[in-house]
PDB file of N, CA and C in Angstrom:
ATOM      1  N   UNK A   1    -149.370  84.141  37.317  1.00  0.00           N
ATOM      2  CA  UNK A   1    -149.794  85.090  38.161  1.00  0.00           C
ATOM      3  C   UNK A   1    -151.095  84.134  38.802  1.00  0.00           C
ATOM      4  N   UNK A   2    -151.537  84.188  40.044  1.00  0.00           N
ATOM      5  CA  UNK A   2    -152.339  83.312  40.690  1.00  0.00           C
ATOM      6  C   UNK A   2    -153.416  84.451  41.649  1.00  0.00           C
ATOM      7  N   UNK A   3    -154.476  84.744  41.224  1.00  0.00           N
ATOM      8  CA  UNK A   3    -155.531  85.444  41.967  1.00  0.00           C
ATOM      9  C   UNK A   3    -156.087  84.123  42.626  1.00  0.00           C
ATOM     10  N   UNK A   4    -155.987  84.836  43.938  1.00  0.00           N
ATOM     11  CA  UNK A   4    -156.450  83.685  45.188  1.00  0.00           C
ATOM     12  C   UNK A   4    -157.290  84.402  46.303  1.00  0.00           C
ATOM     13  N   UNK A   5    -158.168  83.679  47.352  1.00  0.00           N
ATOM     14  CA  UNK A   5    -158.403  84.132  48.254  1.00  0.00           C
ATOM     15  C   UNK A   5    -157.777  83.671  49.651  1.00  0.00           C
ATOM     16  N   UNK A   6    -157.456  84.477  50.278  1.00  0.00           N
ATOM     17  CA  UNK A   6    -156.550  84.363  51.331  1.00  0.00           C
ATOM     18  C   UNK A   6    -157.524  83.495  52.374  1.00  0.00           C
ATOM     19  N   UNK A   7    -156.914  83.658  53.873  1.00  0.00           N
ATOM     20  CA  UNK A   7    -157.455  82.532  54.945  1.00  0.00           C
ATOM     21  C   UNK A   7    -158.926  83.495  55.160  1.00  0.00           C
ATOM     22  N   UNK A   8    -158.748  85.041  55.284  1.00  0.00           N
ATOM     23  CA  UNK A   8    -159.728  85.560  55.712  1.00  0.00           C
ATOM     24  C   UNK A   8    -160.992  86.274  54.047  1.00  0.00           C
ATOM     25  N   UNK A   9    -160.338  85.418  53.250  1.00  0.00           N
ATOM     26  CA  UNK A   9    -161.241  85.509  51.983  1.00  0.00           C
ATOM     27  C   UNK A   9    -160.847  87.037  51.150  1.00  0.00           C
ATOM     28  N   UNK A  10    -159.829  87.442  51.789  1.00  0.00           N
ATOM     29  CA  UNK A  10    -159.396  88.721  51.219  1.00  0.00           C
ATOM     30  C   UNK A  10    -158.663  88.728  49.625  1.00  0.00           C
ATOM     31  N   UNK A  11    -159.107  89.128  48.411  1.00  0.00           N
ATOM     32  CA  UNK A  11    -158.527  88.864  47.202  1.00  0.00           C
ATOM     33  C   UNK A  11    -157.282  89.010  47.333  1.00  0.00           C
ATOM     34  N   UNK A  12    -156.226  88.322  46.603  1.00  0.00           N
ATOM     35  CA  UNK A  12    -154.434  88.542  47.013  1.00  0.00           C
ATOM     36  C   UNK A  12    -154.326  88.206  45.257  1.00  0.00           C
ATOM     37  N   UNK A  13    -153.147  88.951  44.749  1.00  0.00           N
ATOM     38  CA  UNK A  13    -152.782  88.598  43.543  1.00  0.00           C
ATOM     39  C   UNK A  13    -151.178  88.443  43.789  1.00  0.00           C
ATOM     40  N   UNK A  14    -150.727  87.126  43.560  1.00  0.00           N
ATOM     41  CA  UNK A  14    -149.523  86.903  43.678  1.00  0.00           C
ATOM     42  C   UNK A  14    -148.729  86.283  42.487  1.00  0.00           C
ATOM     43  N   UNK A  15    -147.421  86.600  42.294  1.00  0.00           N
ATOM     44  CA  UNK A  15    -146.345  86.254  41.034  1.00  0.00           C
ATOM     45  C   UNK A  15    -145.822  84.972  41.572  1.00  0.00           C
ATOM     46  N   UNK A  16    -145.270  84.526  40.815  1.00  0.00           N
ATOM     47  CA  UNK A  16    -144.392  83.359  41.190  1.00  0.00           C
ATOM     48  C   UNK A  16    -142.790  84.110  41.987  1.00  0.00           C
ATOM     49  N   UNK A  17    -142.606  83.385  42.773  1.00  0.00           N
ATOM     50  CA  UNK A  17    -141.691  83.759  43.558  1.00  0.00           C
ATOM     51  C   UNK A  17    -140.409  82.838  43.198  1.00  0.00           C
ATOM     52  N   UNK A  18    -140.470  81.956  42.684  1.00  0.00           N
ATOM     53  CA  UNK A  18    -139.153  80.936  42.458  1.00  0.00           C
ATOM     54  C   UNK A  18    -139.666  80.091  41.364  1.00  0.00           C
ATOM     55  N   UNK A  19    -138.609  79.871  40.344  1.00  0.00           N
ATOM     56  CA  UNK A  19    -138.993  79.169  39.106  1.00  0.00           C
ATOM     57  C   UNK A  19    -137.970  78.161  38.774  1.00  0.00           C
ATOM     58  N   UNK A  20    -138.038  76.987  38.177  1.00  0.00           N
ATOM     59  CA  UNK A  20    -137.361  75.844  37.963  1.00  0.00           C
ATOM     60  C   UNK A  20    -137.604  75.417  36.603  1.00  0.00           C
ATOM     61  N   UNK A  21    -136.941  75.146  35.667  1.00  0.00           N
ATOM     62  CA  UNK A  21    -137.355  74.548  34.355  1.00  0.00           C
ATOM     63  C   UNK A  21    -136.379  73.372  33.839  1.00  0.00           C
ATOM     64  N   UNK A  22    -136.877  72.512  33.316  1.00  0.00           N
ATOM     65  CA  UNK A  22    -136.308  71.271  32.626  1.00  0.00           C
ATOM     66  C   UNK A  22    -135.094  71.392  31.642  1.00  0.00           C
ATOM     67  N   UNK A  23    -135.538  72.518  30.878  1.00  0.00           N
ATOM     68  CA  UNK A  23    -134.388  73.108  30.095  1.00  0.00           C
ATOM     69  C   UNK A  23    -134.877  74.588  29.680  1.00  0.00           C
ATOM     70  N   UNK A  24    -133.488  75.458  29.535  1.00  0.00           N
ATOM     71  CA  UNK A  24    -133.619  76.791  29.467  1.00  0.00           C
ATOM     72  C   UNK A  24    -132.862  77.252  28.468  1.00  0.00           C
ATOM     73  N   UNK A  25    -133.164  78.396  27.838  1.00  0.00           N
ATOM     74  CA  UNK A  25    -132.299  79.040  26.735  1.00  0.00           C
ATOM     75  C   UNK A  25    -131.130  79.577  27.857  1.00  0.00           C
ATOM     76  N   UNK A  26    -131.262  80.299  28.297  1.00  0.00           N
ATOM     77  CA  UNK A  26    -130.137  81.011  29.315  1.00  0.00           C
ATOM     78  C   UNK A  26    -130.675  82.373  29.262  1.00  0.00           C
ATOM     79  N   UNK A  27    -129.557  83.357  30.104  1.00  0.00           N
ATOM     80  CA  UNK A  27    -129.538  84.429  29.703  1.00  0.00           C
ATOM     81  C   UNK A  27    -130.931  85.099  29.899  1.00  0.00           C
ATOM     82  N   UNK A  28    -131.250  86.168  28.989  1.00  0.00           N
ATOM     83  CA  UNK A  28    -132.593  86.794  29.254  1.00  0.00           C
ATOM     84  C   UNK A  28    -133.997  85.495  28.895  1.00  0.00           C
ATOM     85  N   UNK A  29    -133.467  84.462  28.597  1.00  0.00           N
ATOM     86  CA  UNK A  29    -134.776  83.487  28.349  1.00  0.00           C
ATOM     87  C   UNK A  29    -134.514  82.241  29.572  1.00  0.00           C
ATOM     88  N   UNK A  30    -134.074  82.849  30.740  1.00  0.00           N
ATOM     89  CA  UNK A  30    -133.639  81.542  31.931  1.00  0.00           C
ATOM     90  C   UNK A  30    -135.238  81.490  32.342  1.00  0.00           C
ATOM     91  N   UNK A  31    -135.247  80.427  33.245  1.00  0.00           N
ATOM     92  CA  UNK A  31    -136.365  80.324  33.909  1.00  0.00           C
ATOM     93  C   UNK A  31    -136.637  81.463  35.124  1.00  0.00           C
ATOM     94  N   UNK A  32    -135.734  81.887  35.626  1.00  0.00           N
ATOM     95  CA  UNK A  32    -135.982  83.042  36.790  1.00  0.00           C
ATOM     96  C   UNK A  32    -136.957  83.924  35.753  1.00  0.00           C
ATOM     97  N   UNK A  33    -136.768  84.042  34.760  1.00  0.00           N
ATOM     98  CA  UNK A  33    -137.665  85.265  34.277  1.00  0.00           C
ATOM     99  C   UNK A  33    -138.981  85.166  34.181  1.00  0.00           C
ATOM    100  N   UNK A  34    -139.761  84.176  34.718  1.00  0.00           N
ATOM    101  CA  UNK A  34    -141.065  83.668  34.778  1.00  0.00           C
ATOM    102  C   UNK A  34    -141.401  84.015  36.253  1.00  0.00           C
ATOM    103  N   UNK A  35    -140.445  84.679  37.252  1.00  0.00           N
ATOM    104  CA  UNK A  35    -140.381  85.236  38.618  1.00  0.00           C
ATOM    105  C   UNK A  35    -140.915  86.370  38.484  1.00  0.00           C
ATOM    106  N   UNK A  36    -141.842  87.206  39.341  1.00  0.00           N
ATOM    107  CA  UNK A  36    -142.649  88.213  39.376  1.00  0.00           C
ATOM    108  C   UNK A  36    -143.508  88.511  38.345  1.00  0.00           C
ATOM    109  N   UNK A  37    -144.154  89.991  38.229  1.00  0.00           N
ATOM    110  CA  UNK A  37    -144.882  90.473  37.269  1.00  0.00           C
ATOM    111  C   UNK A  37    -144.499  90.286  35.902  1.00  0.00           C
ATOM    112  N   UNK A  38    -145.699  90.173  34.998  1.00  0.00           N
ATOM    113  CA  UNK A  38    -145.285  90.131  33.617  1.00  0.00           C
ATOM    114  C   UNK A  38    -143.765  91.264  33.362  1.00  0.00           C
ATOM    115  N   UNK A  39    -143.150  90.860  32.184  1.00  0.00           N
ATOM    116  CA  UNK A  39    -142.346  91.757  31.673  1.00  0.00           C
ATOM    117  C   UNK A  39    -142.546  92.141  30.237  1.00  0.00           C
ATOM    118  N   UNK A  40    -143.745  91.467  29.790  1.00  0.00           N
ATOM    119  CA  UNK A  40    -144.426  91.938  28.602  1.00  0.00           C
ATOM    120  C   UNK A  40    -145.954  92.289  28.482  1.00  0.00           C
ATOM    121  N   UNK A  41    -146.236  93.524  27.831  1.00  0.00           N
ATOM    122  CA  UNK A  41    -147.733  93.988  27.643  1.00  0.00           C
ATOM    123  C   UNK A  41    -148.668  92.491  27.247  1.00  0.00           C
ATOM    124  N   UNK A  42    -149.570  92.266  27.676  1.00  0.00           N
ATOM    125  CA  UNK A  42    -150.844  91.389  27.189  1.00  0.00           C
ATOM    126  C   UNK A  42    -150.845  91.800  25.472  1.00  0.00           C
ATOM    127  N   UNK A  43    -150.717  90.686  24.869  1.00  0.00           N
ATOM    128  CA  UNK A  43    -150.600  91.010  23.225  1.00  0.00           C
ATOM    129  C   UNK A  43    -149.036  91.260  22.618  1.00  0.00           C
ATOM    130  N   UNK A  44    -148.396  91.613  23.210  1.00  0.00           N
ATOM    131  CA  UNK A  44    -147.361  91.907  23.105  1.00  0.00           C
ATOM    132  C   UNK A  44    -146.117  90.968  22.462  1.00  0.00           C
ATOM    133  N   UNK A  45    -145.960  90.882  21.108  1.00  0.00           N
ATOM    134  CA  UNK A  45    -145.220  90.332  20.505  1.00  0.00           C
ATOM    135  C   UNK A  45    -143.785  90.883  19.573  1.00  0.00           C
ATOM    136  N   UNK A  46    -142.846  90.492  20.167  1.00  0.00           N
ATOM    137  CA  UNK A  46    -141.416  91.273  19.229  1.00  0.00           C
ATOM    138  C   UNK A  46    -140.207  90.209  18.979  1.00  0.00           C
ATOM    139  N   UNK A  47    -139.858  90.687  17.863  1.00  0.00           N
ATOM    140  CA  UNK A  47    -138.627  89.602  17.524  1.00  0.00           C
ATOM    141  C   UNK A  47    -137.521  90.234  18.701  1.00  0.00           C
ATOM    142  N   UNK A  48    -136.977  88.979  19.164  1.00  0.00           N
ATOM    143  CA  UNK A  48    -135.918  88.752  20.082  1.00  0.00           C
ATOM    144  C   UNK A  48    -135.955  89.854  21.315  1.00  0.00           C
ATOM    145  N   UNK A  49    -137.282  89.875  21.858  1.00  0.00           N
ATOM    146  CA  UNK A  49    -137.573  90.589  23.107  1.00  0.00           C
ATOM    147  C   UNK A  49    -137.572  89.681  23.996  1.00  0.00           C
ATOM    148  N   UNK A  50    -136.595  89.766  24.713  1.00  0.00           N
ATOM    149  CA  UNK A  50    -136.282  89.118  26.174  1.00  0.00           C
ATOM    150  C   UNK A  50    -137.113  89.259  27.125  1.00  0.00           C
ATOM    151  N   UNK A  51    -136.872  88.483  28.106  1.00  0.00           N
ATOM    152  CA  UNK A  51    -138.004  88.558  29.398  1.00  0.00           C
ATOM    153  C   UNK A  51    -138.648  87.632  29.217  1.00  0.00           C
ATOM    154  N   UNK A  52    -138.701  86.475  29.042  1.00  0.00           N
ATOM    155  CA  UNK A  52    -139.325  85.600  29.123  1.00  0.00           C
ATOM    156  C   UNK A  52    -138.659  84.146  29.202  1.00  0.00           C
ATOM    157  N   UNK A  53    -139.360  82.895  29.891  1.00  0.00           N
ATOM    158  CA  UNK A  53    -138.666  81.755  29.937  1.00  0.00           C
ATOM    159  C   UNK A  53    -138.699  81.200  28.403  1.00  0.00           C
ATOM    160  N   UNK A  54    -137.824  80.478  28.169  1.00  0.00           N
ATOM    161  CA  UNK A  54    -137.555  79.478  26.913  1.00  0.00           C
ATOM    162  C   UNK A  54    -136.779  78.688  27.168  1.00  0.00           C
ATOM    163  N   UNK A  55    -137.290  77.148  26.332  1.00  0.00           N
ATOM    164  CA  UNK A  55    -136.513  75.834  26.388  1.00  0.00           C
ATOM    165  C   UNK A  55    -134.986  76.267  25.768  1.00  0.00           C
ATOM    166  N   UNK A  56    -134.063  75.571  25.810  1.00  0.00           N
ATOM    167  CA  UNK A  56    -133.065  75.310  25.037  1.00  0.00           C
ATOM    168  C   UNK A  56    -133.249  75.222  23.918  1.00  0.00           C
ATOM    169  N   UNK A  57    -133.935  74.208  23.206  1.00  0.00           N
ATOM    170  CA  UNK A  57    -134.174  73.800  21.799  1.00  0.00           C
ATOM    171  C   UNK A  57    -135.816  74.210  21.309  1.00  0.00           C
ATOM    172  N   UNK A  58    -135.622  74.920  20.121  1.00  0.00           N
ATOM    173  CA  UNK A  58    -137.117  75.080  19.549  1.00  0.00           C
ATOM    174  C   UNK A  58    -137.607  73.501  19.033  1.00  0.00           C
ATOM    175  N   UNK A  59    -138.162  72.865  19.454  1.00  0.00           N
ATOM    176  CA  UNK A  59    -138.481  71.487  18.663  1.00  0.00           C
ATOM    177  C   UNK A  59    -140.029  71.229  19.541  1.00  0.00           C
ATOM    178  N   UNK A  60    -139.799  69.918  19.286  1.00  0.00           N
ATOM    179  CA  UNK A  60    -141.567  69.309  19.874  1.00  0.00           C
ATOM    180  C   UNK A  60    -141.381  68.394  21.004  1.00  0.00           C
ATOM    181  N   UNK A  61    -140.216  68.455  21.748  1.00  0.00           N
ATOM    182  CA  UNK A  61    -140.152  67.993  23.063  1.00  0.00           C
ATOM    183  C   UNK A  61    -140.922  68.530  23.983  1.00  0.00           C
ATOM    184  N   UNK A  62    -141.083  68.143  24.998  1.00  0.00           N
ATOM    185  CA  UNK A  62    -141.881  68.610  26.163  1.00  0.00           C
ATOM    186  C   UNK A  62    -140.944  69.173  27.256  1.00  0.00           C
ATOM    187  N   UNK A  63    -141.213  70.085  27.825  1.00  0.00           N
ATOM    188  CA  UNK A  63    -140.416  70.769  28.912  1.00  0.00           C
ATOM    189  C   UNK A  63    -141.277  71.402  29.961  1.00  0.00           C
ATOM    190  N   UNK A  64    -140.829  71.461  30.850  1.00  0.00           N
ATOM    191  CA  UNK A  64    -141.541  71.971  32.127  1.00  0.00           C
ATOM    192  C   UNK A  64    -140.854  73.125  33.001  1.00  0.00           C
ATOM    193  N   UNK A  65    -141.946  73.920  33.349  1.00  0.00           N
ATOM    194  CA  UNK A  65    -141.425  75.178  34.142  1.00  0.00           C
ATOM    195  C   UNK A  65    -142.045  75.100  35.136  1.00  0.00           C
ATOM    196  N   UNK A  66    -141.570  74.951  36.412  1.00  0.00           N
ATOM    197  CA  UNK A  66    -142.019  74.721  37.545  1.00  0.00           C
ATOM    198  C   UNK A  66    -141.994  76.211  38.419  1.00  0.00           C
ATOM    199  N   UNK A  67    -143.114  76.687  39.163  1.00  0.00           N
ATOM    200  CA  UNK A  67    -143.159  77.731  39.663  1.00  0.00           C
ATOM    201  C   UNK A  67    -143.603  77.608  40.823  1.00  0.00           C
ATOM    202  N   UNK A  68    -143.004  78.603  41.743  1.00  0.00           N
ATOM    203  CA  UNK A  68    -143.955  78.234  43.627  1.00  0.00           C
ATOM    204  C   UNK A  68    -143.758  79.726  43.749  1.00  0.00           C
ATOM    205  N   UNK A  69    -144.763  80.035  44.718  1.00  0.00           N
ATOM    206  CA  UNK A  69    -145.605  81.186  45.371  1.00  0.00           C
ATOM    207  C   UNK A  69    -145.282  81.158  46.614  1.00  0.00           C
ATOM    208  N   UNK A  70    -145.154  82.451  47.394  1.00  0.00           N
ATOM    209  CA  UNK A  70    -144.623  82.464  48.678  1.00  0.00           C
ATOM    210  C   UNK A  70    -145.549  82.149  49.464  1.00  0.00           C
ATOM    211  N   UNK A  71    -146.767  82.305  49.294  1.00  0.00           N
ATOM    212  CA  UNK A  71    -147.967  82.301  50.327  1.00  0.00           C
ATOM    213  C   UNK A  71    -149.002  81.034  49.814  1.00  0.00           C
ATOM    214  N   UNK A  72    -149.184  79.958  50.874  1.00  0.00           N
ATOM    215  CA  UNK A  72    -150.406  79.395  50.351  1.00  0.00           C
ATOM    216  C   UNK A  72    -151.697  79.978  50.399  1.00  0.00           C
ATOM    217  N   UNK A  73    -152.406  79.770  49.620  1.00  0.00           N
ATOM    218  CA  UNK A  73    -153.938  80.511  49.181  1.00  0.00           C
ATOM    219  C   UNK A  73    -154.810  79.812  48.286  1.00  0.00           C
ATOM    220  N   UNK A  74    -155.775  79.740  48.715  1.00  0.00           N
ATOM    221  CA  UNK A  74    -156.930  79.011  48.006  1.00  0.00           C
ATOM    222  C   UNK A  74    -156.741  79.573  46.567  1.00  0.00           C
ATOM    223  N   UNK A  75    -156.485  78.733  45.230  1.00  0.00           N
ATOM    224  CA  UNK A  75    -156.317  79.476  44.174  1.00  0.00           C
ATOM    225  C   UNK A  75    -158.107  79.536  43.473  1.00  0.00           C
ATOM    226  N   UNK A  76    -158.092  80.853  43.077  1.00  0.00           N
ATOM    227  CA  UNK A  76    -159.475  81.011  42.162  1.00  0.00           C
ATOM    228  C   UNK A  76    -159.073  81.103  40.646  1.00  0.00           C
ATOM    229  N   UNK A  77    -158.128  81.361  40.396  1.00  0.00           N
ATOM    230  CA  UNK A  77    -157.554  82.027  38.924  1.00  0.00           C
ATOM    231  C   UNK A  77    -156.095  81.746  38.822  1.00  0.00           C
ATOM    232  N   UNK A  78    -156.110  81.304  37.592  1.00  0.00           N
ATOM    233  CA  UNK A  78    -154.077  81.308  37.252  1.00  0.00           C
ATOM    234  C   UNK A  78    -154.431  81.836  35.899  1.00  0.00           C
ATOM    235  N   UNK A  79    -153.397  82.434  35.496  1.00  0.00           N
ATOM    236  CA  UNK A  79    -153.279  83.449  34.525  1.00  0.00           C
ATOM    237  C   UNK A  79    -151.724  83.192  33.970  1.00  0.00           C
ATOM    238  N   UNK A  80    -151.603  82.622  32.752  1.00  0.00           N
ATOM    239  CA  UNK A  80    -150.452  82.623  32.284  1.00  0.00           C
ATOM    240  C   UNK A  80    -149.993  83.172  30.608  1.00  0.00           C
ATOM    241  N   UNK A  81    -149.006  84.169  30.715  1.00  0.00           N
ATOM    242  CA  UNK A  81    -148.925  84.853  29.637  1.00  0.00           C
ATOM    243  C   UNK A  81    -148.061  84.053  28.675  1.00  0.00           C
ATOM    244  N   UNK A  82    -148.390  83.783  27.526  1.00  0.00           N
ATOM    245  CA  UNK A  82    -147.423  83.087  26.630  1.00  0.00           C
ATOM    246  C   UNK A  82    -146.993  83.956  25.555  1.00  0.00           C
ATOM    247  N   UNK A  83    -145.651  84.438  25.258  1.00  0.00           N
ATOM    248  CA  UNK A  83    -145.041  85.173  24.457  1.00  0.00           C
ATOM    249  C   UNK A  83    -144.233  84.483  23.325  1.00  0.00           C
ATOM    250  N   UNK A  84    -144.900  84.304  22.095  1.00  0.00           N
ATOM    251  CA  UNK A  84    -144.677  83.536  21.265  1.00  0.00           C
ATOM    252  C   UNK A  84    -143.748  84.411  20.006  1.00  0.00           C
ATOM    253  N   UNK A  85    -142.826  84.144  19.524  1.00  0.00           N
ATOM    254  CA  UNK A  85    -142.076  84.322  18.783  1.00  0.00           C
ATOM    255  C   UNK A  85    -141.409  83.596  17.456  1.00  0.00           C
ATOM    256  N   UNK A  86    -142.173  83.508  16.469  1.00  0.00           N
ATOM    257  CA  UNK A  86    -143.077  84.505  16.034  1.00  0.00           C
ATOM    258  C   UNK A  86    -144.531  84.367  16.676  1.00  0.00           C
ATOM    259  N   UNK A  87    -145.557  85.084  16.132  1.00  0.00           N
ATOM    260  CA  UNK A  87    -146.771  85.020  16.875  1.00  0.00           C
ATOM    261  C   UNK A  87    -147.620  83.340  16.587  1.00  0.00           C
ATOM    262  N   UNK A  88    -147.031  83.277  15.301  1.00  0.00           N
ATOM    263  CA  UNK A  88    -147.495  81.913  14.624  1.00  0.00           C
ATOM    264  C   UNK A  88    -147.194  80.819  15.574  1.00  0.00           C
ATOM    265  N   UNK A  89    -146.139  81.102  16.544  1.00  0.00           N
ATOM    266  CA  UNK A  89    -145.903  79.795  17.418  1.00  0.00           C
ATOM    267  C   UNK A  89    -146.319  79.582  18.488  1.00  0.00           C
ATOM    268  N   UNK A  90    -147.358  80.610  18.647  1.00  0.00           N
ATOM    269  CA  UNK A  90    -148.202  80.423  20.205  1.00  0.00           C
ATOM    270  C   UNK A  90    -148.916  79.005  20.187  1.00  0.00           C
ATOM    271  N   UNK A  91    -149.005  78.814  21.060  1.00  0.00           N
ATOM    272  CA  UNK A  91    -149.511  77.302  21.616  1.00  0.00           C
ATOM    273  C   UNK A  91    -148.730  76.466  22.545  1.00  0.00           C
ATOM    274  N   UNK A  92    -147.613  77.016  22.700  1.00  0.00           N
ATOM    275  CA  UNK A  92    -146.638  76.154  23.411  1.00  0.00           C
ATOM    276  C   UNK A  92    -147.144  75.729  24.611  1.00  0.00           C
ATOM    277  N   UNK A  93    -147.731  76.364  25.374  1.00  0.00           N
ATOM    278  CA  UNK A  93    -148.263  75.627  26.444  1.00  0.00           C
ATOM    279  C   UNK A  93    -149.744  74.997  26.737  1.00  0.00           C
ATOM    280  N   UNK A  94    -149.050  73.523  26.960  1.00  0.00           N
ATOM    281  CA  UNK A  94    -150.226  72.326  26.623  1.00  0.00           C
ATOM    282  C   UNK A  94    -150.720  72.023  28.137  1.00  0.00           C
ATOM    283  N   UNK A  95    -150.348  72.374  29.438  1.00  0.00           N
ATOM    284  CA  UNK A  95    -150.952  72.114  30.501  1.00  0.00           C
ATOM    285  C   UNK A  95    -150.509  72.659  31.792  1.00  0.00           C
ATOM    286  N   UNK A  96    -151.191  73.054  32.597  1.00  0.00           N
ATOM    287  CA  UNK A  96    -151.010  73.832  33.919  1.00  0.00           C
ATOM    288  C   UNK A  96    -151.514  72.864  35.060  1.00  0.00           C
ATOM    289  N   UNK A  97    -150.756  72.454  35.976  1.00  0.00           N
ATOM    290  CA  UNK A  97    -151.073  71.750  37.323  1.00  0.00           C
ATOM    291  C   UNK A  97    -150.793  72.507  38.134  1.00  0.00           C
ATOM    292  N   UNK A  98    -151.510  72.267  39.292  1.00  0.00           N
ATOM    293  CA  UNK A  98    -151.256  72.591  40.864  1.00  0.00           C
ATOM    294  C   UNK A  98    -151.420  71.974  41.814  1.00  0.00           C
ATOM    295  N   UNK A  99    -150.381  72.219  42.605  1.00  0.00           N
ATOM    296  CA  UNK A  99    -150.607  71.052  43.955  1.00  0.00           C
ATOM    297  C   UNK A  99    -150.172  72.006  45.246  1.00  0.00           C
ATOM    298  N   UNK A 100    -150.479  71.610  46.264  1.00  0.00           N
ATOM    299  CA  UNK A 100    -150.591  72.099  47.639  1.00  0.00           C
ATOM    300  C   UNK A 100    -149.014  71.088  47.792  1.00  0.00           C
ATOM    301  N   UNK A 101    -148.587  71.895  48.972  1.00  0.00           N
ATOM    302  CA  UNK A 101    -147.086  71.259  49.482  1.00  0.00           C
ATOM    303  C   UNK A 101    -147.288  69.817  49.783  1.00  0.00           C
ATOM    304  N   UNK A 102    -148.664  69.369  50.224  1.00  0.00           N
ATOM    305  CA  UNK A 102    -148.885  68.192  50.757  1.00  0.00           C
ATOM    306  C   UNK A 102    -148.954  67.325  49.638  1.00  0.00           C
ATOM    307  N   UNK A 103    -149.557  67.692  48.459  1.00  0.00           N
ATOM    308  CA  UNK A 103    -149.849  67.178  47.147  1.00  0.00           C
ATOM    309  C   UNK A 103    -148.780  66.455  46.431  1.00  0.00           C
ATOM    310  N   UNK A 104    -147.711  67.555  46.357  1.00  0.00           N
ATOM    311  CA  UNK A 104    -146.600  67.824  45.747  1.00  0.00           C
ATOM    312  C   UNK A 104    -146.350  66.203  45.417  1.00  0.00           C
ATOM    313  N   UNK A 105    -146.097  65.612  43.880  1.00  0.00           N
ATOM    314  CA  UNK A 105    -145.614  64.214  43.699  1.00  0.00           C
ATOM    315  C   UNK A 105    -146.414  63.375  43.711  1.00  0.00           C
ATOM    316  N   UNK A 106    -147.740  63.901  44.187  1.00  0.00           N
ATOM    317  CA  UNK A 106    -149.027  62.807  44.274  1.00  0.00           C
ATOM    318  C   UNK A 106    -150.130  63.298  43.207  1.00  0.00           C
ATOM    319  N   UNK A 107    -149.919  64.254  42.763  1.00  0.00           N
ATOM    320  CA  UNK A 107    -150.824  64.853  41.878  1.00  0.00           C
ATOM    321  C   UNK A 107    -151.314  66.265  41.975  1.00  0.00           C
ATOM    322  N   UNK A 108    -152.790  66.353  42.096  1.00  0.00           N
ATOM    323  CA  UNK A 108    -153.149  67.802  42.418  1.00  0.00           C
ATOM    324  C   UNK A 108    -154.244  67.962  41.172  1.00  0.00           C
ATOM    325  N   UNK A 109    -154.536  69.080  40.803  1.00  0.00           N
ATOM    326  CA  UNK A 109    -155.385  69.216  39.562  1.00  0.00           C
ATOM    327  C   UNK A 109    -154.687  69.854  38.067  1.00  0.00           C
ATOM    328  N   UNK A 110    -155.259  69.432  37.172  1.00  0.00           N
ATOM    329  CA  UNK A 110    -154.399  69.995  35.950  1.00  0.00           C
ATOM    330  C   UNK A 110    -155.608  70.519  34.984  1.00  0.00           C
ATOM    331  N   UNK A 111    -155.144  71.433  34.223  1.00  0.00           N
ATOM    332  CA  UNK A 111    -156.285  71.771  33.040  1.00  0.00           C
ATOM    333  C   UNK A 111    -155.448  72.064  31.675  1.00  0.00           C
TER     334      UNK A 111
END
């Protein structure tokens, strides 16, 4: 989810409109599960609860989930919900990057 300021500076909340992943488990753990509002409540963790993106393998490799939003806005906040199973597996997210369409492929900012 990205909270942002529109051109008139009205607060806008957007969820991802499209998603692509370098690897996906598939089914209820496909990249498209990152589209739209969260399917899990904050702090919710349940064994084999579907509705979140997951890479095909549980390993130490780096995987990328790329999401895009329907309307360009000035980003004020980016919120990511990480659903870990088991809860001790949290910490999967290592980096968030943001680009405008003009910056795609050239960088942007990262946290």
